[in-house]
Amino acid sequence: MPGLALRFRRPWWTRQSQLWRLRHPHLWPGGSFDRADQASTIKYALLRLPKAERDVFVLNRFRAWDYLQIGRHLGLTAEEVESRFAAAIFRLSQMVDFIESL
């Protein structure tokens, strides 16, 4: 489509203007967490993943489904599932590292 430009948007937790969300979590509907508690931080980061990546991550890690089962359940190929899982791991590690650096 001519004239349609894709724009890369950085995640909110990497934008300086959005750091207030981490400093004052009670002011927004995202909820709060204890940065000293690793499980709480990971749960917080997991809930902020895009739904497509979160679904694949949860089904693989918590339900112990393999890529083929997840693919059949979500209507994806195994390669797409693997790609979404890798993206979820990458985003989670970025988010947790950023939160722990504050």
PDB file of N, CA and C in Angstrom:
ATOM      1  N   MET A   1       0.838  -1.176   0.000  1.00  0.00           N
ATOM      2  CA  MET A   1       0.000   0.000   0.000  1.00  0.00           C
ATOM      3  C   MET A   1       0.886   1.244   0.000  1.00  0.00           C
ATOM      4  N   PRO A   2       0.781   2.042  -1.019  1.00  0.00           N
ATOM      5  CA  PRO A   2       1.596   3.256  -1.056  1.00  0.00           C
ATOM      6  C   PRO A   2       1.156   4.238   0.031  1.00  0.00           C
ATOM      7  N   GLY A   3       2.135   4.883   0.576  1.00  0.00           N
ATOM      8  CA  GLY A   3       1.841   5.889   1.590  1.00  0.00           C
ATOM      9  C   GLY A   3       1.678   5.324   2.998  1.00  0.00           C
ATOM     10  N   LEU A   4       1.677   4.001   3.121  1.00  0.00           N
ATOM     11  CA  LEU A   4       1.525   3.384   4.433  1.00  0.00           C
ATOM     12  C   LEU A   4       2.912   3.049   4.965  1.00  0.00           C
ATOM     13  N   ALA A   5       3.348   3.804   5.921  1.00  0.00           N
ATOM     14  CA  ALA A   5       4.683   3.585   6.490  1.00  0.00           C
ATOM     15  C   ALA A   5       4.548   2.893   7.837  1.00  0.00           C
ATOM     16  N   LEU A   6       5.336   1.866   8.024  1.00  0.00           N
ATOM     17  CA  LEU A   6       5.356   1.202   9.315  1.00  0.00           C
ATOM     18  C   LEU A   6       6.270   1.997  10.241  1.00  0.00           C
ATOM     19  N   ARG A   7       5.800   2.217  11.421  1.00  0.00           N
ATOM     20  CA  ARG A   7       6.566   3.017  12.365  1.00  0.00           C
ATOM     21  C   ARG A   7       6.976   2.142  13.536  1.00  0.00           C
ATOM     22  N   PHE A   8       8.253   2.132  13.828  1.00  0.00           N
ATOM     23  CA  PHE A   8       8.742   1.362  14.959  1.00  0.00           C
ATOM     24  C   PHE A   8       8.500   2.157  16.237  1.00  0.00           C
ATOM     25  N   ARG A   9       7.823   1.526  17.172  1.00  0.00           N
ATOM     26  CA  ARG A   9       7.578   2.170  18.462  1.00  0.00           C
ATOM     27  C   ARG A   9       8.320   1.407  19.535  1.00  0.00           C
ATOM     28  N   ARG A  10       9.100   2.143  20.276  1.00  0.00           N
ATOM     29  CA  ARG A  10       9.806   1.509  21.375  1.00  0.00           C
ATOM     30  C   ARG A  10       8.815   1.153  22.465  1.00  0.00           C
ATOM     31  N   PRO A  11       9.077   0.070  23.205  1.00  0.00           N
ATOM     32  CA  PRO A  11       8.202  -0.275  24.326  1.00  0.00           C
ATOM     33  C   PRO A  11       8.168   0.866  25.345  1.00  0.00           C
ATOM     34  N   TRP A  12       7.055   0.995  26.046  1.00  0.00           N
ATOM     35  CA  TRP A  12       6.884   2.146  26.933  1.00  0.00           C
ATOM     36  C   TRP A  12       7.942   2.192  28.025  1.00  0.00           C
ATOM     37  N   TRP A  13       8.423   1.045  28.494  1.00  0.00           N
ATOM     38  CA  TRP A  13       9.364   1.054  29.602  1.00  0.00           C
ATOM     39  C   TRP A  13      10.753   1.548  29.193  1.00  0.00           C
ATOM     40  N   THR A  14      11.003   1.740  27.879  1.00  0.00           N
ATOM     41  CA  THR A  14      12.292   2.273  27.428  1.00  0.00           C
ATOM     42  C   THR A  14      12.212   3.760  27.088  1.00  0.00           C
ATOM     43  N   ARG A  15      11.028   4.334  27.172  1.00  0.00           N
ATOM     44  CA  ARG A  15      10.880   5.757  26.869  1.00  0.00           C
ATOM     45  C   ARG A  15      10.968   6.587  28.138  1.00  0.00           C
ATOM     46  N   GLN A  16      11.818   7.570  28.126  1.00  0.00           N
ATOM     47  CA  GLN A  16      12.042   8.424  29.287  1.00  0.00           C
ATOM     48  C   GLN A  16      10.745   9.057  29.782  1.00  0.00           C
ATOM     49  N   SER A  17       9.876   9.435  28.863  1.00  0.00           N
ATOM     50  CA  SER A  17       8.635  10.101  29.251  1.00  0.00           C
ATOM     51  C   SER A  17       7.659   9.179  29.974  1.00  0.00           C
ATOM     52  N   GLN A  18       7.892   7.868  29.930  1.00  0.00           N
ATOM     53  CA  GLN A  18       6.964   6.927  30.543  1.00  0.00           C
ATOM     54  C   GLN A  18       7.478   6.311  31.844  1.00  0.00           C
ATOM     55  N   LEU A  19       8.629   6.750  32.315  1.00  0.00           N
ATOM     56  CA  LEU A  19       9.198   6.181  33.534  1.00  0.00           C
ATOM     57  C   LEU A  19       8.351   6.452  34.768  1.00  0.00           C
ATOM     58  N   TRP A  20       7.475   7.447  34.695  1.00  0.00           N
ATOM     59  CA  TRP A  20       6.591   7.722  35.827  1.00  0.00           C
ATOM     60  C   TRP A  20       5.738   6.502  36.158  1.00  0.00           C
ATOM     61  N   ARG A  21       5.454   5.666  35.150  1.00  0.00           N
ATOM     62  CA  ARG A  21       4.640   4.468  35.392  1.00  0.00           C
ATOM     63  C   ARG A  21       5.328   3.531  36.379  1.00  0.00           C
ATOM     64  N   LEU A  22       6.649   3.454  36.289  1.00  0.00           N
ATOM     65  CA  LEU A  22       7.382   2.597  37.215  1.00  0.00           C
ATOM     66  C   LEU A  22       7.554   3.258  38.577  1.00  0.00           C
ATOM     67  N   ARG A  23       7.717   4.578  38.587  1.00  0.00           N
ATOM     68  CA  ARG A  23       7.894   5.289  39.853  1.00  0.00           C
ATOM     69  C   ARG A  23       6.594   5.407  40.638  1.00  0.00           C
ATOM     70  N   HIS A  24       5.467   5.487  39.929  1.00  0.00           N
ATOM     71  CA  HIS A  24       4.160   5.683  40.570  1.00  0.00           C
ATOM     72  C   HIS A  24       3.136   4.699  40.004  1.00  0.00           C
ATOM     73  N   PRO A  25       3.314   3.403  40.236  1.00  0.00           N
ATOM     74  CA  PRO A  25       2.415   2.415  39.626  1.00  0.00           C
ATOM     75  C   PRO A  25       0.972   2.518  40.102  1.00  0.00           C
ATOM     76  N   HIS A  26       0.748   3.130  41.270  1.00  0.00           N
ATOM     77  CA  HIS A  26      -0.615   3.255  41.773  1.00  0.00           C
ATOM     78  C   HIS A  26      -1.439   4.268  40.973  1.00  0.00           C
ATOM     79  N   LEU A  27      -0.784   5.063  40.132  1.00  0.00           N
ATOM     80  CA  LEU A  27      -1.489   6.091  39.366  1.00  0.00           C
ATOM     81  C   LEU A  27      -2.023   5.601  38.020  1.00  0.00           C
ATOM     82  N   TRP A  28      -1.715   4.389  37.640  1.00  0.00           N
ATOM     83  CA  TRP A  28      -2.195   3.878  36.357  1.00  0.00           C
ATOM     84  C   TRP A  28      -2.702   2.459  36.533  1.00  0.00           C
ATOM     85  N   PRO A  29      -3.570   1.997  35.644  1.00  0.00           N
ATOM     86  CA  PRO A  29      -4.226   0.707  35.826  1.00  0.00           C
ATOM     87  C   PRO A  29      -3.317  -0.500  35.624  1.00  0.00           C
ATOM     88  N   GLY A  30      -2.034  -0.284  35.363  1.00  0.00           N
ATOM     89  CA  GLY A  30      -1.129  -1.405  35.166  1.00  0.00           C
ATOM     90  C   GLY A  30      -0.801  -2.142  36.444  1.00  0.00           C
ATOM     91  N   GLY A  31      -1.129  -1.589  37.563  1.00  0.00           N
ATOM     92  CA  GLY A  31      -0.869  -2.254  38.831  1.00  0.00           C
ATOM     93  C   GLY A  31       0.514  -1.983  39.357  1.00  0.00           C
ATOM     94  N   SER A  32       0.819  -2.556  40.491  1.00  0.00           N
ATOM     95  CA  SER A  32       2.114  -2.322  41.115  1.00  0.00           C
ATOM     96  C   SER A  32       2.817  -3.646  41.367  1.00  0.00           C
ATOM     97  N   PHE A  33       4.083  -3.547  41.710  1.00  0.00           N
ATOM     98  CA  PHE A  33       4.875  -4.718  42.006  1.00  0.00           C
ATOM     99  C   PHE A  33       6.033  -4.299  42.897  1.00  0.00           C
ATOM    100  N   ASP A  34       6.651  -5.285  43.517  1.00  0.00           N
ATOM    101  CA  ASP A  34       7.809  -5.049  44.366  1.00  0.00           C
ATOM    102  C   ASP A  34       9.050  -5.383  43.558  1.00  0.00           C
ATOM    103  N   ARG A  35       9.855  -4.372  43.227  1.00  0.00           N
ATOM    104  CA  ARG A  35      11.027  -4.610  42.387  1.00  0.00           C
ATOM    105  C   ARG A  35      12.057  -5.505  43.063  1.00  0.00           C
ATOM    106  N   ALA A  36      12.041  -5.591  44.378  1.00  0.00           N
ATOM    107  CA  ALA A  36      12.993  -6.442  45.095  1.00  0.00           C
ATOM    108  C   ALA A  36      12.618  -7.918  44.983  1.00  0.00           C
ATOM    109  N   ASP A  37      11.376  -8.200  44.696  1.00  0.00           N
ATOM    110  CA  ASP A  37      10.898  -9.580  44.575  1.00  0.00           C
ATOM    111  C   ASP A  37      10.951  -9.995  43.115  1.00  0.00           C
ATOM    112  N   GLN A  38      11.837 -10.946  42.792  1.00  0.00           N
ATOM    113  CA  GLN A  38      12.042 -11.340  41.402  1.00  0.00           C
ATOM    114  C   GLN A  38      10.785 -11.951  40.788  1.00  0.00           C
ATOM    115  N   ALA A  39      10.072 -12.763  41.533  1.00  0.00           N
ATOM    116  CA  ALA A  39       8.854 -13.381  40.998  1.00  0.00           C
ATOM    117  C   ALA A  39       7.819 -12.314  40.656  1.00  0.00           C
ATOM    118  N   SER A  40       7.692 -11.313  41.496  1.00  0.00           N
ATOM    119  CA  SER A  40       6.743 -10.223  41.252  1.00  0.00           C
ATOM    120  C   SER A  40       7.141  -9.432  40.007  1.00  0.00           C
ATOM    121  N   THR A  41       8.439  -9.199  39.843  1.00  0.00           N
ATOM    122  CA  THR A  41       8.932  -8.469  38.679  1.00  0.00           C
ATOM    123  C   THR A  41       8.670  -9.248  37.392  1.00  0.00           C
ATOM    124  N   ILE A  42       8.921 -10.547  37.412  1.00  0.00           N
ATOM    125  CA  ILE A  42       8.701 -11.370  36.220  1.00  0.00           C
ATOM    126  C   ILE A  42       7.214 -11.447  35.889  1.00  0.00           C
ATOM    127  N   LYS A  43       6.378 -11.589  36.907  1.00  0.00           N
ATOM    128  CA  LYS A  43       4.934 -11.615  36.675  1.00  0.00           C
ATOM    129  C   LYS A  43       4.466 -10.300  36.053  1.00  0.00           C
ATOM    130  N   TYR A  44       4.967  -9.191  36.582  1.00  0.00           N
ATOM    131  CA  TYR A  44       4.630  -7.870  36.061  1.00  0.00           C
ATOM    132  C   TYR A  44       5.047  -7.762  34.592  1.00  0.00           C
ATOM    133  N   ALA A  45       6.273  -8.197  34.285  1.00  0.00           N
ATOM    134  CA  ALA A  45       6.769  -8.128  32.910  1.00  0.00           C
ATOM    135  C   ALA A  45       5.969  -9.055  31.992  1.00  0.00           C
ATOM    136  N   LEU A  46       5.623 -10.233  32.476  1.00  0.00           N
ATOM    137  CA  LEU A  46       4.857 -11.192  31.676  1.00  0.00           C
ATOM    138  C   LEU A  46       3.483 -10.643  31.312  1.00  0.00           C
ATOM    139  N   LEU A  47       2.846  -9.953  32.240  1.00  0.00           N
ATOM    140  CA  LEU A  47       1.521  -9.392  31.970  1.00  0.00           C
ATOM    141  C   LEU A  47       1.565  -8.246  30.963  1.00  0.00           C
ATOM    142  N   ARG A  48       2.741  -7.682  30.739  1.00  0.00           N
ATOM    143  CA  ARG A  48       2.868  -6.582  29.791  1.00  0.00           C
ATOM    144  C   ARG A  48       3.298  -7.029  28.397  1.00  0.00           C
ATOM    145  N   LEU A  49       3.508  -8.321  28.206  1.00  0.00           N
ATOM    146  CA  LEU A  49       3.828  -8.818  26.862  1.00  0.00           C
ATOM    147  C   LEU A  49       2.615  -8.681  25.947  1.00  0.00           C
ATOM    148  N   PRO A  50       2.863  -8.524  24.639  1.00  0.00           N
ATOM    149  CA  PRO A  50       1.738  -8.567  23.705  1.00  0.00           C
ATOM    150  C   PRO A  50       1.035  -9.924  23.815  1.00  0.00           C
ATOM    151  N   LYS A  51      -0.267  -9.936  23.621  1.00  0.00           N
ATOM    152  CA  LYS A  51      -1.068 -11.144  23.832  1.00  0.00           C
ATOM    153  C   LYS A  51      -0.559 -12.337  23.027  1.00  0.00           C
ATOM    154  N   ALA A  52      -0.188 -12.123  21.784  1.00  0.00           N
ATOM    155  CA  ALA A  52       0.269 -13.231  20.935  1.00  0.00           C
ATOM    156  C   ALA A  52       1.512 -13.893  21.518  1.00  0.00           C
ATOM    157  N   GLU A  53       2.437 -13.075  22.016  1.00  0.00           N
ATOM    158  CA  GLU A  53       3.663 -13.624  22.602  1.00  0.00           C
ATOM    159  C   GLU A  53       3.390 -14.223  23.977  1.00  0.00           C
ATOM    160  N   ARG A  54       2.555 -13.583  24.748  1.00  0.00           N
ATOM    161  CA  ARG A  54       2.232 -14.085  26.093  1.00  0.00           C
ATOM    162  C   ARG A  54       1.541 -15.440  26.018  1.00  0.00           C
ATOM    163  N   ASP A  55       0.616 -15.607  25.079  1.00  0.00           N
ATOM    164  CA  ASP A  55      -0.091 -16.883  24.935  1.00  0.00           C
ATOM    165  C   ASP A  55       0.882 -18.025  24.638  1.00  0.00           C
ATOM    166  N   VAL A  56       1.796 -17.795  23.707  1.00  0.00           N
ATOM    167  CA  VAL A  56       2.773 -18.823  23.352  1.00  0.00           C
ATOM    168  C   VAL A  56       3.675 -19.127  24.545  1.00  0.00           C
ATOM    169  N   PHE A  57       4.137 -18.102  25.227  1.00  0.00           N
ATOM    170  CA  PHE A  57       5.021 -18.294  26.378  1.00  0.00           C
ATOM    171  C   PHE A  57       4.330 -19.092  27.485  1.00  0.00           C
ATOM    172  N   VAL A  58       3.108 -18.707  27.818  1.00  0.00           N
ATOM    173  CA  VAL A  58       2.379 -19.378  28.899  1.00  0.00           C
ATOM    174  C   VAL A  58       2.094 -20.837  28.546  1.00  0.00           C
ATOM    175  N   LEU A  59       1.668 -21.088  27.320  1.00  0.00           N
ATOM    176  CA  LEU A  59       1.378 -22.465  26.925  1.00  0.00           C
ATOM    177  C   LEU A  59       2.632 -23.336  26.929  1.00  0.00           C
ATOM    178  N   ASN A  60       3.768 -22.757  26.553  1.00  0.00           N
ATOM    179  CA  ASN A  60       4.994 -23.537  26.525  1.00  0.00           C
ATOM    180  C   ASN A  60       5.579 -23.733  27.921  1.00  0.00           C
ATOM    181  N   ARG A  61       5.670 -22.683  28.707  1.00  0.00           N
ATOM    182  CA  ARG A  61       6.344 -22.766  30.003  1.00  0.00           C
ATOM    183  C   ARG A  61       5.464 -23.291  31.130  1.00  0.00           C
ATOM    184  N   PHE A  62       4.209 -22.929  31.153  1.00  0.00           N
ATOM    185  CA  PHE A  62       3.353 -23.302  32.278  1.00  0.00           C
ATOM    186  C   PHE A  62       2.481 -24.523  31.995  1.00  0.00           C
ATOM    187  N   ARG A  63       2.131 -24.736  30.739  1.00  0.00           N
ATOM    188  CA  ARG A  63       1.331 -25.914  30.384  1.00  0.00           C
ATOM    189  C   ARG A  63       2.177 -27.019  29.773  1.00  0.00           C
ATOM    190  N   ALA A  64       3.448 -26.731  29.491  1.00  0.00           N
ATOM    191  CA  ALA A  64       4.416 -27.683  28.935  1.00  0.00           C
ATOM    192  C   ALA A  64       3.977 -28.235  27.574  1.00  0.00           C
ATOM    193  N   TRP A  65       3.346 -27.407  26.762  1.00  0.00           N
ATOM    194  CA  TRP A  65       2.975 -27.814  25.412  1.00  0.00           C
ATOM    195  C   TRP A  65       4.172 -27.598  24.503  1.00  0.00           C
ATOM    196  N   ASP A  66       4.326 -28.474  23.497  1.00  0.00           N
ATOM    197  CA  ASP A  66       5.394 -28.255  22.531  1.00  0.00           C
ATOM    198  C   ASP A  66       4.891 -27.310  21.429  1.00  0.00           C
ATOM    199  N   TYR A  67       5.812 -26.936  20.535  1.00  0.00           N
ATOM    200  CA  TYR A  67       5.473 -25.952  19.498  1.00  0.00           C
ATOM    201  C   TYR A  67       4.359 -26.439  18.578  1.00  0.00           C
ATOM    202  N   LEU A  68       4.330 -27.732  18.276  1.00  0.00           N
ATOM    203  CA  LEU A  68       3.283 -28.253  17.392  1.00  0.00           C
ATOM    204  C   LEU A  68       1.901 -28.168  18.051  1.00  0.00           C
ATOM    205  N   GLN A  69       1.816 -28.514  19.337  1.00  0.00           N
ATOM    206  CA  GLN A  69       0.536 -28.416  20.044  1.00  0.00           C
ATOM    207  C   GLN A  69       0.063 -26.968  20.107  1.00  0.00           C
ATOM    208  N   ILE A  70       0.975 -26.073  20.431  1.00  0.00           N
ATOM    209  CA  ILE A  70       0.611 -24.660  20.503  1.00  0.00           C
ATOM    210  C   ILE A  70       0.162 -24.162  19.136  1.00  0.00           C
ATOM    211  N   GLY A  71       0.897 -24.568  18.090  1.00  0.00           N
ATOM    212  CA  GLY A  71       0.546 -24.174  16.731  1.00  0.00           C
ATOM    213  C   GLY A  71      -0.843 -24.635  16.334  1.00  0.00           C
ATOM    214  N   ARG A  72      -1.163 -25.880  16.660  1.00  0.00           N
ATOM    215  CA  ARG A  72      -2.501 -26.388  16.347  1.00  0.00           C
ATOM    216  C   ARG A  72      -3.570 -25.633  17.118  1.00  0.00           C
ATOM    217  N   HIS A  73      -3.288 -25.336  18.365  1.00  0.00           N
ATOM    218  CA  HIS A  73      -4.261 -24.639  19.215  1.00  0.00           C
ATOM    219  C   HIS A  73      -4.502 -23.201  18.745  1.00  0.00           C
ATOM    220  N   LEU A  74      -3.435 -22.522  18.325  1.00  0.00           N
ATOM    221  CA  LEU A  74      -3.549 -21.112  17.930  1.00  0.00           C
ATOM    222  C   LEU A  74      -3.639 -20.903  16.420  1.00  0.00           C
ATOM    223  N   GLY A  75      -3.559 -21.986  15.647  1.00  0.00           N
ATOM    224  CA  GLY A  75      -3.635 -21.849  14.186  1.00  0.00           C
ATOM    225  C   GLY A  75      -2.366 -21.283  13.579  1.00  0.00           C
ATOM    226  N   LEU A  76      -1.213 -21.675  14.116  1.00  0.00           N
ATOM    227  CA  LEU A  76       0.078 -21.178  13.648  1.00  0.00           C
ATOM    228  C   LEU A  76       0.954 -22.351  13.232  1.00  0.00           C
ATOM    229  N   THR A  77       2.008 -22.044  12.482  1.00  0.00           N
ATOM    230  CA  THR A  77       3.002 -23.070  12.184  1.00  0.00           C
ATOM    231  C   THR A  77       3.973 -23.159  13.360  1.00  0.00           C
ATOM    232  N   ALA A  78       4.723 -24.246  13.410  1.00  0.00           N
ATOM    233  CA  ALA A  78       5.708 -24.414  14.483  1.00  0.00           C
ATOM    234  C   ALA A  78       6.773 -23.319  14.421  1.00  0.00           C
ATOM    235  N   GLU A  79       7.117 -22.882  13.213  1.00  0.00           N
ATOM    236  CA  GLU A  79       8.116 -21.819  13.061  1.00  0.00           C
ATOM    237  C   GLU A  79       7.593 -20.490  13.615  1.00  0.00           C
ATOM    238  N   GLU A  80       6.317 -20.203  13.382  1.00  0.00           N
ATOM    239  CA  GLU A  80       5.727 -18.976  13.929  1.00  0.00           C
ATOM    240  C   GLU A  80       5.678 -19.026  15.449  1.00  0.00           C
ATOM    241  N   VAL A  81       5.363 -20.185  15.986  1.00  0.00           N
ATOM    242  CA  VAL A  81       5.330 -20.351  17.442  1.00  0.00           C
ATOM    243  C   VAL A  81       6.724 -20.141  18.010  1.00  0.00           C
ATOM    244  N   GLU A  82       7.722 -20.742  17.370  1.00  0.00           N
ATOM    245  CA  GLU A  82       9.101 -20.585  17.842  1.00  0.00           C
ATOM    246  C   GLU A  82       9.538 -19.127  17.794  1.00  0.00           C
ATOM    247  N   SER A  83       9.159 -18.432  16.740  1.00  0.00           N
ATOM    248  CA  SER A  83       9.498 -17.018  16.594  1.00  0.00           C
ATOM    249  C   SER A  83       8.829 -16.179  17.683  1.00  0.00           C
ATOM    250  N   ARG A  84       7.564 -16.436  17.954  1.00  0.00           N
ATOM    251  CA  ARG A  84       6.859 -15.687  19.000  1.00  0.00           C
ATOM    252  C   ARG A  84       7.432 -15.991  20.384  1.00  0.00           C
ATOM    253  N   PHE A  85       7.827 -17.246  20.605  1.00  0.00           N
ATOM    254  CA  PHE A  85       8.412 -17.617  21.879  1.00  0.00           C
ATOM    255  C   PHE A  85       9.750 -16.897  22.073  1.00  0.00           C
ATOM    256  N   ALA A  86      10.573 -16.865  21.028  1.00  0.00           N
ATOM    257  CA  ALA A  86      11.862 -16.166  21.099  1.00  0.00           C
ATOM    258  C   ALA A  86      11.652 -14.676  21.354  1.00  0.00           C
ATOM    259  N   ALA A  87      10.657 -14.088  20.697  1.00  0.00           N
ATOM    260  CA  ALA A  87      10.366 -12.667  20.920  1.00  0.00           C
ATOM    261  C   ALA A  87       9.908 -12.422  22.353  1.00  0.00           C
ATOM    262  N   ALA A  88       9.115 -13.337  22.900  1.00  0.00           N
ATOM    263  CA  ALA A  88       8.642 -13.200  24.282  1.00  0.00           C
ATOM    264  C   ALA A  88       9.809 -13.266  25.256  1.00  0.00           C
ATOM    265  N   ILE A  89      10.724 -14.209  25.057  1.00  0.00           N
ATOM    266  CA  ILE A  89      11.897 -14.336  25.920  1.00  0.00           C
ATOM    267  C   ILE A  89      12.739 -13.066  25.838  1.00  0.00           C
ATOM    268  N   PHE A  90      12.937 -12.555  24.629  1.00  0.00           N
ATOM    269  CA  PHE A  90      13.726 -11.340  24.440  1.00  0.00           C
ATOM    270  C   PHE A  90      13.090 -10.153  25.155  1.00  0.00           C
ATOM    271  N   ARG A  91      11.786  -9.959  24.953  1.00  0.00           N
ATOM    272  CA  ARG A  91      11.099  -8.828  25.591  1.00  0.00           C
ATOM    273  C   ARG A  91      11.116  -8.952  27.112  1.00  0.00           C
ATOM    274  N   LEU A  92      10.882 -10.167  27.615  1.00  0.00           N
ATOM    275  CA  LEU A  92      10.904 -10.377  29.059  1.00  0.00           C
ATOM    276  C   LEU A  92      12.268 -10.038  29.641  1.00  0.00           C
ATOM    277  N   SER A  93      13.328 -10.507  28.998  1.00  0.00           N
ATOM    278  CA  SER A  93      14.663 -10.225  29.521  1.00  0.00           C
ATOM    279  C   SER A  93      14.975  -8.736  29.481  1.00  0.00           C
ATOM    280  N   GLN A  94      14.560  -8.054  28.412  1.00  0.00           N
ATOM    281  CA  GLN A  94      14.761  -6.608  28.325  1.00  0.00           C
ATOM    282  C   GLN A  94      14.024  -5.882  29.450  1.00  0.00           C
ATOM    283  N   MET A  95      12.768  -6.249  29.630  1.00  0.00           N
ATOM    284  CA  MET A  95      11.936  -5.579  30.618  1.00  0.00           C
ATOM    285  C   MET A  95      12.448  -5.818  32.037  1.00  0.00           C
ATOM    286  N   VAL A  96      12.787  -7.066  32.350  1.00  0.00           N
ATOM    287  CA  VAL A  96      13.265  -7.388  33.694  1.00  0.00           C
ATOM    288  C   VAL A  96      14.604  -6.695  33.945  1.00  0.00           C
ATOM    289  N   ASP A  97      15.500  -6.712  32.973  1.00  0.00           N
ATOM    290  CA  ASP A  97      16.782  -6.024  33.134  1.00  0.00           C
ATOM    291  C   ASP A  97      16.573  -4.535  33.381  1.00  0.00           C
ATOM    292  N   PHE A  98      15.655  -3.942  32.629  1.00  0.00           N
ATOM    293  CA  PHE A  98      15.399  -2.511  32.798  1.00  0.00           C
ATOM    294  C   PHE A  98      14.826  -2.212  34.184  1.00  0.00           C
ATOM    295  N   ILE A  99      13.863  -2.996  34.615  1.00  0.00           N
ATOM    296  CA  ILE A  99      13.244  -2.768  35.921  1.00  0.00           C
ATOM    297  C   ILE A  99      14.268  -2.934  37.031  1.00  0.00           C
ATOM    298  N   GLU A 100      15.115  -3.947  36.931  1.00  0.00           N
ATOM    299  CA  GLU A 100      16.108  -4.174  37.963  1.00  0.00           C
ATOM    300  C   GLU A 100      17.207  -3.108  37.971  1.00  0.00           C
ATOM    301  N   SER A 101      17.381  -2.399  36.848  1.00  0.00           N
ATOM    302  CA  SER A 101      18.402  -1.360  36.788  1.00  0.00           C
ATOM    303  C   SER A 101      17.946  -0.051  37.438  1.00  0.00           C
ATOM    304  N   LEU A 102      16.663   0.071  37.729  1.00  0.00           N
ATOM    305  CA  LEU A 102      16.157   1.320  38.323  1.00  0.00           C
ATOM    306  C   LEU A 102      16.565   1.465  39.779  1.00  0.00           C
TER     307      LEU A 102
END
